[in-house]
Amino acid sequence: MGNISLPPAARYLVWFVMNNHTHVVLCVDKDLADSWSMTEVIRRWHQLYQSTLLSQKYQRGDRLSKGEVISLEETVTIYHQRL
């Protein structure tokens, strides 16, 4: 399927090319995705999308304030759901 990128925990099962559209059936390994740490979610997110200043700070190992940690955890929860 050429240039289509899959979420990191997904793989193709089958795809069909129709006259004017395509059907894709994927398998998502939920257990694998659920096992990812915050660090792993951020790493995988950055493979697909641009990082934020806060996630860069976390990856560098810089000290985060309590507010920054709360904000980053909320953001990573959203990233995790989308991956």
Protein backbone atom coordinates (compact mmCIF):
# COMPACT_ATOMS: atom_id res chain seq x y z
CA MET A 1 0.00 0.00 0.00
CA GLY A 2 2.88 2.29 -0.71
CA ASN A 3 3.09 5.49 1.33
CA ILE A 4 0.49 4.80 4.01
CA SER A 5 1.96 4.66 7.49
CA LEU A 6 0.42 2.47 10.13
CA PRO A 7 0.10 3.10 13.83
CA PRO A 8 3.04 1.42 15.59
CA ALA A 9 0.95 -1.41 17.08
CA ALA A 10 -0.93 -2.22 13.87
CA ARG A 11 -0.25 -4.47 10.92
CA TYR A 12 -2.03 -5.15 7.65
CA LEU A 13 -4.22 -8.21 7.48
CA VAL A 14 -5.61 -7.60 4.02
CA TRP A 15 -6.43 -4.78 1.65
CA PHE A 16 -8.69 -4.49 -1.38
CA VAL A 17 -8.45 -1.99 -4.22
CA MET A 18 -11.90 -1.23 -5.58
CA ASN A 19 -12.96 0.94 -8.52
CA ASN A 20 -12.85 4.25 -6.67
CA HIS A 21 -11.65 3.44 -3.13
CA THR A 22 -9.63 1.04 -1.01
CA HIS A 23 -10.60 -1.16 1.94
CA VAL A 24 -7.94 -1.93 4.54
CA VAL A 25 -8.28 -4.42 7.39
CA LEU A 26 -5.80 -3.95 10.23
CA CYS A 27 -4.94 -5.89 13.34
CA VAL A 28 -4.03 -3.80 16.39
CA ASP A 29 -2.00 -5.45 19.13
CA LYS A 30 -3.75 -3.82 22.10
CA ASP A 31 -1.66 -5.69 24.68
CA LEU A 32 1.52 -4.40 23.08
CA ALA A 33 0.23 -0.82 22.94
CA ASP A 34 -1.06 -0.97 26.52
CA SER A 35 2.38 -2.04 27.76
CA TRP A 36 4.16 1.09 26.47
CA SER A 37 5.67 3.41 29.08
CA MET A 38 5.35 7.18 28.86
CA THR A 39 8.87 7.31 27.42
CA GLU A 40 7.97 4.74 24.75
CA VAL A 41 4.76 6.55 23.79
CA ILE A 42 6.67 9.82 23.40
CA ARG A 43 9.40 8.12 21.35
CA ARG A 44 6.87 6.51 19.03
CA TRP A 45 4.85 9.74 18.72
CA HIS A 46 7.98 11.64 17.72
CA GLN A 47 8.65 9.11 14.96
CA LEU A 48 5.39 10.22 13.34
CA TYR A 49 4.83 13.81 14.50
CA GLN A 50 6.72 16.87 15.66
CA SER A 51 7.70 17.05 19.30
CA THR A 52 6.68 19.75 21.76
CA LEU A 53 9.04 21.77 23.92
CA LEU A 54 7.75 19.89 26.96
CA SER A 55 8.27 16.44 25.45
CA GLN A 56 11.76 17.48 24.31
CA LYS A 57 12.55 18.62 27.85
CA TYR A 58 11.34 15.25 29.20
CA GLN A 59 13.39 13.27 26.68
CA ARG A 60 16.54 15.24 27.53
CA GLY A 61 16.03 14.29 31.17
CA ASP A 62 15.53 17.89 32.29
CA ARG A 63 13.73 18.45 35.57
CA LEU A 64 10.00 19.10 35.10
CA SER A 65 7.82 21.05 37.49
CA LYS A 66 4.76 19.34 38.96
CA GLY A 67 2.54 21.30 36.56
CA GLU A 68 4.67 20.27 33.58
CA VAL A 69 4.50 16.61 34.62
CA ILE A 70 0.69 16.78 34.90
CA SER A 71 0.44 18.49 31.50
CA LEU A 72 2.80 16.00 29.87
CA GLU A 73 0.95 13.00 31.36
CA GLU A 74 -2.36 14.34 29.98
CA THR A 75 -0.78 14.88 26.57
CA VAL A 76 0.83 11.42 26.54
CA THR A 77 -2.53 9.84 27.40
CA ILE A 78 -3.96 11.43 24.24
CA TYR A 79 -0.91 10.37 22.20
CA HIS A 80 -1.28 6.81 23.51
CA GLN A 81 -4.95 6.66 22.49
CA ARG A 82 -4.11 7.92 19.01
CA LEU A 83 -1.20 5.55 18.45
